[in-house]
Amino acid sequence: MVAGGRGRPGGAAGPDPGPAVADGGDGVRQTGEWTPVPAAPPFVAAPVVPAAALASASAGAALDPWGPPGSARARRVAVLGVAVLAGLLYAVVSVLRHHQFKTTIDITIFQQAVANYAQLRAPLVLVKSQDPFWILGDHFSPVMALIAPLYRVWPSVVTLLLVQAALLAVAVWAVTGLAVRLLGGLGFAVGGAFALSWGMLKVVDFDVHEVGFTVAFLALACVALVEGRPRALMLWSAALLLTKEDSGLLVAGLGLALLVWGSRRLGVALVVAGGLAVLFTVGVLIPAFSYTGTWTYASNIGGDPSLVGTGLAMAGTVVRHLTEPRGWALLAALAATASLGLRSPVILVLLPTLAARFASSREVYLEMTFYYDAPLMVVCFVALAVAVRDRRLRRGTTAGQSRAWWSSAAGLATAAVCLLAVDVGVHTTEWPRTLAQSDQECPWCDDAHRLIDAVPDGERLIADVGLLGNAADRHPVLMANPEWEDSTHLPLRADWVILYRDSDQFGAGWARERERDLLAGGYAVVDTGSDLVLLHRPTTAGGAPGPRP
């Protein structure tokens, strides 16, 4: 997939506890007296918090450093408010990016698949191949079919963007709600930091992907893990397997956390199920849908036909990546994000996924540029909330002690550092630029819209990668490239073409050279503007197309 969008030139639920148990809304459950949320899931045999600390907490030690606890209903409303606000921010920035022509090929891939799902057709993707190309043979993400009913009502790529924003908001709701139940008012800060974390914002920066579902399902699974709801944990783990072929690694990670916490039977079951799901998906399901009959990305893990050879290749790749600056940078960023969470068993959830990324030869997995880190953000912030809760319980921290510490120089300095870290994370994304450009004139965008509108609806269109997302609603689109082939090496065929003459997506000068070839092959210039050119190949008098380039 092509990375990034150019925009304009220049950068432009678990069982009911019963009537005797109620949520006090401040991180404890009420059963006639205050008792802390267990430091390990209720279905885990081995506690990780000393009994003395539990006794101290149950004797009435308040855990909320921001004053007396509010009502359970008020807390739930506030948590929902955080999620809604985050969802609105995600939606606004997503739509702004789309209007600024910063959506590219990936949103087009999913739009074409979802459009076919909505019509009860096979999820074929024209932009990948002019021959039938099942998206399930590229990446196994059948969960995207859930968007189809909404797309049928509102057939637009914006529908996909809004659904993704809503899914990210679900994750914020789940993580914030858990943090508030564990930490009281401080949980809102954890939830806000999660919502603005670099991994989450990068999802909005880069089109639409199945990762929206992954993040939502993983957040709900992690909440079930911490709160000790095995049925909900198994349900959301199963849902994760439908998001992408490698999501079984996250399921295996959930199992690892349970193993450390002492729930061996369910832990082993999740580890085995997650691992087998990955092998079955890449070894059977994807090849069954793939046009090649194979898993296209097998070369990313070595490509050696033997199991031993593959293992050695992956081990060598891990060692190489661990010695590279970007490998260390990713680990350091995750460690800084989780901070105290590194002490929580929850952090083990990310271990299989992180190991697979280091074992892959696909270099972008180590770059903090795309959407791959969003699931890791879920794990880091859930682990952080659990670790802070455990630390309080071990120390028997009271509300007064917490308020005093946060009011001290050390507490204020810590808060300032946390705010600075969030700000730095935000500024590593495209959000500041996107928001700054929202009230600026964009002649390039206006010209792009005019050229796209000049193509009759339903006509196949070959377009520059930066135009695909905006043209996909009205046209079957293919991506212009120097080879003039789709990903299956079939020559691109269409009577309408829009090129960006100054495109450097594939190196300098390629678009102008292709324009000359098209003109020599029978195409004619219909319109131009802002270094964009619309070309059309007229039909002959008998209705047959003119000569092909």
Protein backbone atom coordinates (compact mmCIF):
# COMPACT_ATOMS: atom_id res chain seq x y z
CA MET A 1 0.00 0.00 0.00
CA VAL A 2 1.11 3.51 -0.72
CA ALA A 3 2.07 5.45 2.37
CA GLY A 4 0.49 8.73 3.22
CA GLY A 5 -1.50 11.35 1.38
CA ARG A 6 0.04 14.42 -0.14
CA GLY A 7 -2.96 16.72 -0.06
CA ARG A 8 -2.16 19.96 -1.76
CA PRO A 9 1.37 20.70 -2.98
CA GLY A 10 3.80 21.64 -0.25
CA GLY A 11 2.43 19.33 2.43
CA ALA A 12 -0.57 20.50 2.09
CA ALA A 13 -20.17 -7.67 28.74
CA GLY A 14 -20.04 -10.04 31.49
CA PRO A 15 -22.39 -11.60 34.07
CA ASP A 16 -24.45 -9.36 36.34
CA PRO A 17 -22.93 -9.33 39.84
CA GLY A 18 -26.42 -9.46 41.33
CA PRO A 19 -28.50 -7.04 43.35
CA ALA A 20 -26.19 -7.20 46.38
CA VAL A 21 -23.28 -5.72 44.45
CA ALA A 22 -23.23 -2.19 43.09
CA ASP A 23 -20.58 -0.07 41.46
CA GLY A 24 -19.69 2.79 43.75
CA GLY A 25 -18.36 4.72 40.79
CA ASP A 26 -14.94 5.45 42.24
CA GLY A 27 -12.96 2.36 41.47
CA VAL A 28 -14.51 0.10 44.10
CA ARG A 29 -17.47 -2.19 44.36
CA GLN A 30 -19.89 -1.77 47.21
CA THR A 31 -21.15 -4.76 49.17
CA GLY A 32 -22.23 -3.04 52.35
CA GLU A 33 -18.67 -1.71 52.82
CA TRP A 34 -15.95 -0.41 50.46
CA THR A 35 -13.86 -3.16 48.96
CA PRO A 36 -11.32 -2.62 46.21
CA VAL A 37 -11.61 -3.97 42.74
CA PRO A 38 -9.53 -7.18 42.86
CA ALA A 39 -5.90 -6.71 41.91
CA ALA A 40 -6.18 -9.83 39.77
CA PRO A 41 -9.22 -11.04 37.84
CA PRO A 42 -11.75 -12.83 40.09
CA PHE A 43 -11.32 -16.05 38.12
CA VAL A 44 -7.57 -16.01 38.83
CA ALA A 45 -6.39 -17.97 41.84
CA ALA A 46 -3.20 -16.08 42.75
CA PRO A 47 -3.64 -12.53 44.11
CA VAL A 48 -0.93 -10.01 43.30
CA VAL A 49 -1.71 -7.52 46.09
CA PRO A 50 -0.81 -8.30 49.73
CA ALA A 51 -3.76 -9.08 51.97
CA ALA A 52 -2.80 -6.26 54.35
CA ALA A 53 -3.16 -3.72 51.58
CA LEU A 54 -6.53 -5.13 50.64
CA ALA A 55 -7.64 -4.94 54.27
CA SER A 56 -6.45 -1.35 54.53
CA ALA A 57 -8.31 -0.39 51.39
CA SER A 58 -11.48 -2.15 52.45
CA ALA A 59 -11.34 -0.33 55.78
CA GLY A 60 -12.16 2.84 53.87
CA ALA A 61 -9.02 4.13 52.15
CA ALA A 62 -10.29 6.35 49.36
CA LEU A 63 -8.44 5.98 46.10
CA ASP A 64 -9.56 9.13 44.32
CA PRO A 65 -6.94 11.93 44.44
CA TRP A 66 -9.36 14.46 43.00
CA GLY A 67 -11.84 14.71 45.83
CA PRO A 68 -14.84 12.72 47.04
CA PRO A 69 -16.24 10.21 44.57
CA GLY A 70 -19.26 11.23 42.53
CA SER A 71 -22.26 9.06 41.88
CA ALA A 72 -21.92 6.04 39.64
CA ARG A 73 -24.28 7.62 37.12
CA ALA A 74 -22.31 10.86 37.00
CA ARG A 75 -19.10 8.93 36.45
CA ARG A 76 -20.63 6.94 33.61
CA VAL A 77 -21.93 10.10 31.96
CA ALA A 78 -18.53 11.75 32.29
CA VAL A 79 -16.78 8.72 30.80
CA LEU A 80 -19.24 8.73 27.91
CA GLY A 81 -18.58 12.44 27.46
CA VAL A 82 -14.84 11.83 27.10
CA ALA A 83 -15.50 9.16 24.48
CA VAL A 84 -17.98 11.30 22.54
CA LEU A 85 -15.60 14.26 22.54
CA ALA A 86 -12.77 12.05 21.30
CA GLY A 87 -15.00 10.56 18.62
CA LEU A 88 -16.02 14.01 17.41
CA LEU A 89 -12.38 15.07 17.21
CA TYR A 90 -11.47 11.93 15.26
CA ALA A 91 -14.41 12.46 12.91
CA VAL A 92 -13.71 16.14 12.28
CA VAL A 93 -10.02 15.60 11.54
CA SER A 94 -10.81 12.57 9.35
CA VAL A 95 -13.29 14.51 7.23
CA LEU A 96 -10.96 17.52 7.03
CA ARG A 97 -8.17 15.30 5.75
CA HIS A 98 -10.50 13.86 3.14
CA HIS A 99 -11.55 17.30 1.93
CA GLN A 100 -7.88 18.29 1.80
CA PHE A 101 -7.17 15.34 -0.55
CA LYS A 102 -5.09 13.48 2.02
CA THR A 103 -6.89 10.15 1.69
CA THR A 104 -5.27 7.78 -0.76
CA ILE A 105 -5.31 4.20 -1.91
CA ASP A 106 -6.12 2.39 1.32
CA ILE A 107 -9.48 4.06 1.79
CA THR A 108 -10.19 3.23 -1.85
CA ILE A 109 -9.43 -0.44 -1.28
CA PHE A 110 -11.86 -0.65 1.61
CA GLN A 111 -14.47 1.51 -0.12
CA GLN A 112 -14.55 -0.83 -3.11
CA ALA A 113 -14.78 -3.89 -0.86
CA VAL A 114 -17.49 -2.43 1.38
CA ALA A 115 -19.46 -1.19 -1.64
CA ASN A 116 -19.54 -4.75 -2.95
CA TYR A 117 -20.48 -6.11 0.48
CA ALA A 118 -23.34 -3.59 0.55
CA GLN A 119 -24.64 -4.97 -2.75
CA LEU A 120 -24.28 -8.55 -1.45
CA ARG A 121 -21.48 -9.19 -3.91
CA ALA A 122 -18.04 -10.67 -3.42
CA PRO A 123 -15.65 -8.10 -1.88
CA LEU A 124 -13.63 -7.52 -5.05
CA VAL A 125 -11.16 -4.65 -5.23
CA LEU A 126 -10.63 -3.11 -8.66
CA VAL A 127 -7.80 -0.83 -7.56
CA LYS A 128 -5.76 -3.94 -6.73
CA SER A 129 -6.52 -5.82 -9.94
CA GLN A 130 -8.71 -5.57 -13.02
CA ASP A 131 -9.20 -9.32 -12.71
CA PRO A 132 -11.36 -10.48 -9.79
CA PHE A 133 -9.35 -9.74 -6.65
CA TRP A 134 -10.85 -10.75 -3.30
CA ILE A 135 -9.80 -8.45 -0.49
CA LEU A 136 -9.87 -11.50 1.80
CA GLY A 137 -7.01 -12.91 -0.24
CA ASP A 138 -4.88 -9.88 0.59
CA HIS A 139 -5.67 -9.29 4.26
CA PHE A 140 -8.28 -11.33 6.13
CA SER A 141 -10.60 -8.70 7.57
CA PRO A 142 -14.17 -9.99 7.16
CA VAL A 143 -15.24 -7.68 10.00
CA MET A 144 -15.31 -4.83 7.46
CA ALA A 145 -18.55 -6.30 6.14
CA LEU A 146 -20.25 -4.87 9.24
CA ILE A 147 -19.96 -1.41 7.66
CA ALA A 148 -21.97 -2.51 4.60
CA PRO A 149 -25.49 -1.72 5.94
CA LEU A 150 -24.44 1.83 6.80
CA TYR A 151 -22.70 2.21 3.45
CA ARG A 152 -25.84 1.09 1.64
CA VAL A 153 -27.72 3.95 3.32
CA TRP A 154 -24.93 6.50 2.76
CA PRO A 155 -22.63 5.27 -0.04
CA SER A 156 -19.61 7.48 0.62
CA VAL A 157 -16.05 7.05 1.77
CA VAL A 158 -16.99 9.51 4.53
CA THR A 159 -19.14 6.73 5.97
CA LEU A 160 -16.03 4.63 6.44
CA LEU A 161 -14.21 7.53 8.08
CA LEU A 162 -17.06 8.15 10.53
CA VAL A 163 -17.37 4.48 11.41
CA GLN A 164 -13.66 4.36 12.15
CA ALA A 165 -13.96 7.45 14.36
CA ALA A 166 -16.83 5.81 16.24
CA LEU A 167 -14.82 2.62 16.76
CA LEU A 168 -11.89 4.57 18.15
CA ALA A 169 -14.34 6.34 20.46
CA VAL A 170 -15.55 2.95 21.70
CA ALA A 171 -11.97 2.13 22.66
CA VAL A 172 -11.66 5.46 24.48
CA TRP A 173 -14.92 4.74 26.33
CA ALA A 174 -13.73 1.29 27.39
CA VAL A 175 -10.25 2.36 28.51
CA THR A 176 -11.45 5.52 30.25
CA GLY A 177 -14.25 3.67 32.01
CA LEU A 178 -11.87 1.03 33.30
CA ALA A 179 -9.34 3.64 34.42
CA VAL A 180 -12.02 5.58 36.31
CA ARG A 181 -13.29 2.44 38.00
CA LEU A 182 -9.74 1.61 39.07
CA LEU A 183 -8.40 5.07 39.88
CA GLY A 184 -11.31 7.40 40.39
CA GLY A 185 -10.90 10.88 38.96
CA LEU A 186 -7.33 10.26 37.86
CA GLY A 187 -8.77 7.76 35.40
CA PHE A 188 -10.10 10.62 33.29
CA ALA A 189 -6.55 11.84 32.78
CA VAL A 190 -5.51 8.34 31.74
CA GLY A 191 -8.42 8.15 29.31
CA GLY A 192 -7.69 11.57 27.86
CA ALA A 193 -4.03 10.73 27.39
CA PHE A 194 -5.03 7.50 25.65
CA ALA A 195 -7.41 9.34 23.33
CA LEU A 196 -4.62 11.74 22.32
CA SER A 197 -1.82 9.17 22.24
CA TRP A 198 0.34 9.10 19.13
CA GLY A 199 -0.75 5.59 18.19
CA MET A 200 -4.43 6.50 18.20
CA LEU A 201 -3.96 9.74 16.28
CA LYS A 202 -1.93 7.95 13.62
CA VAL A 203 -5.02 5.90 12.75
CA VAL A 204 -6.80 9.10 11.77
CA ASP A 205 -3.71 10.25 9.87
CA PHE A 206 -3.81 7.36 7.44
CA ASP A 207 -7.10 6.63 5.70
CA VAL A 208 -9.37 3.81 6.91
CA HIS A 209 -8.28 0.39 8.08
CA GLU A 210 -9.55 -2.61 9.97
CA VAL A 211 -7.53 -1.38 12.95
CA GLY A 212 -10.55 0.60 14.14
CA PHE A 213 -12.30 -2.68 14.89
CA THR A 214 -9.10 -4.13 16.32
CA VAL A 215 -8.66 -1.28 18.79
CA ALA A 216 -12.30 -1.37 19.91
CA PHE A 217 -12.42 -5.15 20.37
CA LEU A 218 -9.03 -5.24 22.08
CA ALA A 219 -10.04 -2.51 24.52
CA LEU A 220 -13.19 -4.41 25.43
CA ALA A 221 -11.18 -7.63 25.78
CA CYS A 222 -8.64 -5.95 28.06
CA VAL A 223 -11.42 -4.56 30.24
CA ALA A 224 -12.91 -8.04 30.53
CA LEU A 225 -9.44 -9.39 31.36
CA VAL A 226 -8.88 -6.93 34.20
CA GLU A 227 -12.41 -7.12 35.56
CA GLY A 228 -12.44 -10.90 35.51
CA ARG A 229 -15.24 -11.62 33.05
CA PRO A 230 -14.16 -14.77 31.21
CA ARG A 231 -17.18 -15.00 28.91
CA ALA A 232 -16.75 -11.44 27.72
CA LEU A 233 -13.02 -12.04 27.33
CA MET A 234 -13.62 -15.05 25.11
CA LEU A 235 -16.28 -13.19 23.10
CA TRP A 236 -14.08 -10.19 22.32
CA SER A 237 -11.09 -12.43 21.68
CA ALA A 238 -13.12 -14.31 19.08
CA ALA A 239 -14.19 -11.01 17.53
CA LEU A 240 -10.54 -9.96 17.31
CA LEU A 241 -9.82 -12.92 15.06
CA LEU A 242 -12.10 -11.41 12.40
CA THR A 243 -10.22 -8.12 12.19
CA LYS A 244 -6.95 -9.21 10.56
CA GLU A 245 -4.84 -12.29 10.06
CA ASP A 246 -2.33 -11.33 12.75
CA SER A 247 -4.87 -10.47 15.47
CA GLY A 248 -4.51 -13.96 16.85
CA LEU A 249 -1.23 -12.69 18.28
CA LEU A 250 -3.19 -10.25 20.44
CA VAL A 251 -5.41 -13.11 21.60
CA ALA A 252 -2.31 -15.09 22.48
CA GLY A 253 -1.06 -12.06 24.40
CA LEU A 254 -4.26 -11.99 26.44
CA GLY A 255 -3.58 -15.62 27.25
CA LEU A 256 -0.04 -14.81 28.38
CA ALA A 257 -1.35 -12.22 30.82
CA LEU A 258 -3.74 -14.77 32.26
CA LEU A 259 -0.97 -17.33 32.62
CA VAL A 260 1.10 -14.91 34.69
CA TRP A 261 -1.95 -14.01 36.74
CA GLY A 262 -2.49 -17.71 37.47
CA SER A 263 -5.46 -18.69 35.31
CA ARG A 264 -3.69 -21.47 33.49
CA ARG A 265 -6.57 -23.24 31.76
CA LEU A 266 -8.06 -20.19 30.06
CA GLY A 267 -4.62 -18.68 29.52
CA VAL A 268 -3.34 -21.74 27.69
CA ALA A 269 -6.56 -21.92 25.68
CA LEU A 270 -6.17 -18.35 24.46
CA VAL A 271 -2.47 -18.75 23.66
CA VAL A 272 -3.11 -21.91 21.65
CA ALA A 273 -6.25 -20.57 19.96
CA GLY A 274 -4.54 -17.33 18.98
CA GLY A 275 -1.51 -19.06 17.54
CA LEU A 276 -3.54 -21.64 15.63
CA ALA A 277 -5.84 -18.93 14.28
CA VAL A 278 -2.88 -17.07 12.78
CA LEU A 279 -1.50 -20.23 11.18
CA PHE A 280 -4.90 -21.29 9.83
CA THR A 281 -5.66 -17.85 8.43
CA VAL A 282 -2.36 -17.32 6.60
CA GLY A 283 -2.00 -20.98 5.64
CA VAL A 284 -5.54 -21.84 4.55
CA LEU A 285 -8.05 -18.99 4.46
CA ILE A 286 -6.02 -16.30 2.72
CA PRO A 287 -4.59 -18.68 0.06
CA ALA A 288 -8.13 -19.88 -0.63
CA PHE A 289 -9.14 -16.34 -1.62
CA SER A 290 -5.83 -15.15 -3.08
CA TYR A 291 -5.38 -14.88 -6.83
CA THR A 292 -1.98 -16.56 -6.42
CA GLY A 293 -3.24 -19.32 -4.13
CA THR A 294 -0.65 -18.28 -1.55
CA TRP A 295 -0.20 -15.84 1.32
CA THR A 296 1.28 -12.87 -0.51
CA TYR A 297 3.24 -11.54 2.46
CA ALA A 298 5.04 -14.75 3.41
CA SER A 299 8.30 -13.20 2.26
CA ASN A 300 8.07 -10.74 5.16
CA ILE A 301 8.97 -13.54 7.56
CA GLY A 302 11.83 -14.94 5.56
CA GLY A 303 10.14 -16.81 2.75
CA ASP A 304 12.14 -19.98 3.47
CA PRO A 305 10.07 -23.10 2.66
CA SER A 306 11.36 -24.96 5.72
CA LEU A 307 10.17 -24.30 9.25
CA VAL A 308 13.73 -24.24 10.57
CA GLY A 309 14.85 -21.85 7.86
CA THR A 310 11.95 -19.52 8.56
CA GLY A 311 12.70 -19.58 12.28
CA LEU A 312 16.35 -18.76 11.73
CA ALA A 313 15.50 -15.96 9.32
CA MET A 314 13.04 -14.44 11.80
CA ALA A 315 15.54 -14.70 14.65
CA GLY A 316 18.15 -12.95 12.55
CA THR A 317 15.70 -10.19 11.69
CA VAL A 318 14.85 -9.68 15.36
CA VAL A 319 18.53 -9.33 16.27
CA ARG A 320 19.08 -6.87 13.44
CA HIS A 321 16.10 -4.73 14.39
CA LEU A 322 17.10 -4.71 18.06
CA THR A 323 20.41 -3.16 17.09
CA GLU A 324 18.85 -0.44 14.93
CA PRO A 325 17.97 3.02 16.28
CA ARG A 326 14.36 2.81 15.13
CA GLY A 327 13.92 -0.49 16.96
CA TRP A 328 15.16 1.05 20.18
CA ALA A 329 13.10 4.18 19.51
CA LEU A 330 9.89 2.16 19.24
CA LEU A 331 10.63 0.22 22.43
CA ALA A 332 11.54 3.42 24.26
CA ALA A 333 8.35 5.15 23.11
CA LEU A 334 6.22 2.23 24.26
CA ALA A 335 8.05 2.06 27.59
CA ALA A 336 7.54 5.78 28.15
CA THR A 337 3.87 5.46 27.24
CA ALA A 338 3.23 2.56 29.59
CA SER A 339 5.65 3.79 32.32
CA LEU A 340 4.47 2.08 35.53
CA GLY A 341 2.39 -0.22 33.34
CA LEU A 342 5.54 -2.18 32.55
CA ARG A 343 5.10 -3.73 36.01
CA SER A 344 1.61 -5.04 35.20
CA PRO A 345 0.95 -8.47 33.67
CA VAL A 346 -1.36 -6.68 31.22
CA ILE A 347 1.70 -5.42 29.33
CA LEU A 348 2.32 -9.01 28.21
CA VAL A 349 -0.66 -8.69 25.86
CA LEU A 350 1.48 -6.76 23.38
CA LEU A 351 4.45 -9.15 23.53
CA PRO A 352 3.51 -11.57 20.68
CA THR A 353 2.51 -8.74 18.36
CA LEU A 354 5.64 -6.74 19.13
CA ALA A 355 7.82 -9.81 18.65
CA ALA A 356 6.21 -10.49 15.26
CA ARG A 357 6.85 -6.92 14.16
CA PHE A 358 10.51 -7.17 15.08
CA ALA A 359 10.71 -10.53 13.29
CA SER A 360 9.23 -9.15 10.06
CA SER A 361 11.36 -7.75 7.27
CA ARG A 362 8.63 -5.19 6.54
CA GLU A 363 10.45 -2.12 7.77
CA VAL A 364 7.37 0.08 8.27
CA TYR A 365 6.39 -2.06 11.27
CA LEU A 366 9.14 -0.34 13.25
CA GLU A 367 8.29 3.15 12.08
CA MET A 368 5.98 5.17 14.32
CA THR A 369 4.37 6.68 11.25
CA PHE A 370 1.34 4.58 10.43
CA TYR A 371 -1.54 2.97 12.31
CA TYR A 372 0.21 -0.17 13.57
CA ASP A 373 0.78 1.15 17.09
CA ALA A 374 -2.86 1.83 17.97
CA PRO A 375 -3.50 -1.62 19.52
CA LEU A 376 -0.30 -1.23 21.53
CA MET A 377 -1.68 2.03 22.97
CA VAL A 378 -4.67 0.14 24.35
CA VAL A 379 -2.41 -2.31 26.16
CA CYS A 380 -0.06 0.38 27.47
CA PHE A 381 -2.78 2.52 29.00
CA VAL A 382 -4.76 -0.37 30.48
CA ALA A 383 -1.52 -1.70 31.98
CA LEU A 384 -0.76 1.77 33.35
CA ALA A 385 -4.14 2.05 35.06
CA VAL A 386 -3.81 -1.41 36.60
CA ALA A 387 -0.25 -0.75 37.79
CA VAL A 388 -1.17 2.55 39.44
CA ARG A 389 -4.13 0.88 41.16
CA ASP A 390 -1.92 -1.96 42.41
CA ARG A 391 0.68 0.48 43.69
CA ARG A 392 -1.93 2.39 45.66
CA LEU A 393 -3.28 -0.78 47.21
CA ARG A 394 0.14 -2.04 48.19
CA ARG A 395 0.94 1.25 49.89
CA GLY A 396 -2.50 1.78 51.37
CA THR A 397 -2.61 5.27 49.87
CA THR A 398 -5.42 7.49 51.13
CA ALA A 399 -7.22 10.25 49.28
CA GLY A 400 -5.53 12.90 51.39
CA GLN A 401 -2.10 11.51 50.68
CA SER A 402 -2.83 11.44 46.95
CA ARG A 403 -4.10 15.02 46.90
CA ALA A 404 -1.09 16.18 48.87
CA TRP A 405 1.31 14.49 46.47
CA TRP A 406 -0.35 15.87 43.35
CA SER A 407 -0.25 19.34 44.92
CA SER A 408 3.44 19.03 45.74
CA ALA A 409 6.29 20.16 43.50
CA ALA A 410 6.93 16.56 42.48
CA GLY A 411 3.28 15.99 41.60
CA LEU A 412 3.00 19.20 39.62
CA ALA A 413 6.23 18.40 37.80
CA THR A 414 4.92 14.93 36.96
CA ALA A 415 1.68 16.40 35.62
CA ALA A 416 3.64 18.90 33.52
CA VAL A 417 5.83 16.15 32.08
CA CYS A 418 2.77 14.08 31.22
CA LEU A 419 1.13 17.02 29.47
CA LEU A 420 4.34 17.72 27.59
CA ALA A 421 4.55 14.08 26.50
CA VAL A 422 0.99 14.22 25.16
CA ASP A 423 1.74 17.47 23.34
CA VAL A 424 4.89 16.02 21.77
CA GLY A 425 2.93 12.96 20.69
CA VAL A 426 0.25 15.09 19.06
CA HIS A 427 2.88 17.09 17.18
CA THR A 428 4.38 13.91 15.71
CA THR A 429 1.12 13.46 13.81
CA GLU A 430 -0.52 15.34 10.94
CA TRP A 431 -3.20 16.80 13.21
CA PRO A 432 -1.67 20.27 13.72
CA ARG A 433 -1.14 20.72 9.98
CA THR A 434 -4.59 19.41 9.11
CA LEU A 435 -6.30 21.77 11.55
CA ALA A 436 -4.16 24.73 10.46
CA GLN A 437 -5.08 24.15 6.81
CA SER A 438 -8.80 23.83 7.52
CA ASP A 439 -9.47 27.58 7.07
CA GLN A 440 -7.05 28.15 4.20
CA GLU A 441 -7.88 28.41 0.52
CA CYS A 442 -6.82 25.41 -1.55
CA PRO A 443 -6.82 26.16 -5.29
CA TRP A 444 -5.26 22.74 -5.93
CA CYS A 445 -8.21 21.07 -4.18
CA ASP A 446 -10.70 23.16 -6.16
CA ASP A 447 -9.05 22.20 -9.45
CA ALA A 448 -8.95 18.55 -8.42
CA HIS A 449 -12.68 18.58 -7.65
CA ARG A 450 -13.41 20.24 -11.00
CA LEU A 451 -11.46 17.65 -12.97
CA ILE A 452 -13.03 14.74 -11.09
CA ASP A 453 -16.51 16.20 -11.64
CA ALA A 454 -15.81 16.45 -15.37
CA VAL A 455 -15.62 12.66 -15.65
CA PRO A 456 -19.09 11.14 -16.23
CA ASP A 457 -20.36 9.19 -13.23
CA GLY A 458 -19.60 5.49 -13.36
CA GLU A 459 -16.77 5.82 -15.87
CA ARG A 460 -13.58 3.97 -15.00
CA LEU A 461 -10.85 6.42 -14.04
CA ILE A 462 -7.09 6.09 -13.68
CA ALA A 463 -5.99 8.74 -11.21
CA ASP A 464 -3.06 9.97 -9.20
CA VAL A 465 -2.86 8.31 -5.78
CA GLY A 466 -3.76 11.58 -4.07
CA LEU A 467 -7.08 11.74 -5.93
CA LEU A 468 -8.26 8.17 -5.43
CA GLY A 469 -10.12 8.65 -2.15
CA ASN A 470 -12.06 11.63 -3.45
CA ALA A 471 -12.90 10.03 -6.80
CA ALA A 472 -13.87 6.60 -5.46
CA ASP A 473 -17.49 7.47 -4.62
CA ARG A 474 -18.41 8.23 -8.23
CA HIS A 475 -15.98 6.20 -10.28
CA PRO A 476 -14.35 2.78 -10.40
CA VAL A 477 -10.77 3.93 -9.90
CA LEU A 478 -7.31 2.58 -10.66
CA MET A 479 -4.03 4.04 -9.41
CA ALA A 480 -1.69 5.71 -11.87
CA ASN A 481 1.92 4.57 -11.56
CA PRO A 482 5.06 4.55 -13.73
CA GLU A 483 4.65 0.91 -14.80
CA TRP A 484 1.03 1.57 -15.79
CA GLU A 485 0.06 -1.77 -14.25
CA ASP A 486 -2.12 -2.87 -11.36
CA SER A 487 -0.70 -4.96 -8.52
CA THR A 488 -1.22 -8.15 -10.53
CA HIS A 489 0.77 -6.70 -13.46
CA LEU A 490 -2.21 -6.20 -15.75
CA PRO A 491 -1.93 -3.07 -17.95
CA LEU A 492 -4.15 -0.24 -16.73
CA ARG A 493 -7.20 0.24 -18.97
CA ALA A 494 -9.51 3.26 -18.80
CA ASP A 495 -10.71 6.01 -21.10
CA TRP A 496 -10.29 8.71 -18.45
CA VAL A 497 -7.04 9.65 -16.70
CA ILE A 498 -6.12 12.37 -14.21
CA LEU A 499 -2.41 12.91 -13.59
CA TYR A 500 -0.62 15.22 -11.19
CA ARG A 501 2.27 16.40 -13.30
CA ASP A 502 4.50 17.26 -10.33
CA SER A 503 3.85 14.02 -8.46
CA ASP A 504 6.93 12.64 -6.74
CA GLN A 505 5.18 9.59 -5.27
CA PHE A 506 7.21 7.32 -7.55
CA GLY A 507 10.10 9.64 -8.30
CA ALA A 508 10.39 12.90 -10.19
CA GLY A 509 9.16 13.29 -13.76
CA TRP A 510 7.25 10.04 -14.18
CA ALA A 511 3.82 11.67 -14.56
CA ARG A 512 4.88 14.07 -17.31
CA GLU A 513 6.50 11.21 -19.19
CA ARG A 514 3.32 9.15 -18.87
CA GLU A 515 1.26 12.11 -20.12
CA ARG A 516 3.39 12.26 -23.26
CA ASP A 517 2.89 8.53 -23.83
CA LEU A 518 -0.87 8.84 -23.40
CA LEU A 519 -1.09 11.75 -25.82
CA ALA A 520 0.88 9.73 -28.35
CA GLY A 521 -1.49 6.81 -27.80
CA GLY A 522 -4.67 8.65 -28.68
CA TYR A 523 -5.66 10.49 -25.50
CA ALA A 524 -6.52 14.19 -25.60
CA VAL A 525 -6.29 16.84 -22.90
CA VAL A 526 -9.75 17.82 -21.64
CA ASP A 527 -8.85 20.21 -18.82
CA THR A 528 -5.94 21.30 -16.66
CA GLY A 529 -5.35 23.18 -13.42
CA SER A 530 -2.74 23.36 -10.65
CA ASP A 531 -0.46 20.95 -12.52
CA LEU A 532 -3.32 18.48 -12.79
CA VAL A 533 -4.36 17.26 -16.21
CA LEU A 534 -7.50 15.41 -17.28
CA LEU A 535 -7.11 13.24 -20.36
CA HIS A 536 -9.74 11.33 -22.31
CA ARG A 537 -9.47 8.76 -25.04
CA PRO A 538 -12.30 9.48 -27.48
CA THR A 539 -14.20 6.73 -29.19
CA THR A 540 -14.21 6.31 -32.94
CA ALA A 541 -17.23 7.08 -35.09
CA GLY A 542 -18.36 3.49 -34.84
CA GLY A 543 -18.33 3.60 -31.07
CA ALA A 544 -15.13 1.67 -30.64
CA PRO A 545 -12.38 3.13 -28.48
CA GLY A 546 -9.42 4.75 -30.07
CA PRO A 547 -5.94 3.25 -30.05
CA ARG A 548 -4.60 2.10 -26.67
CA PRO A 549 -1.28 3.38 -25.36
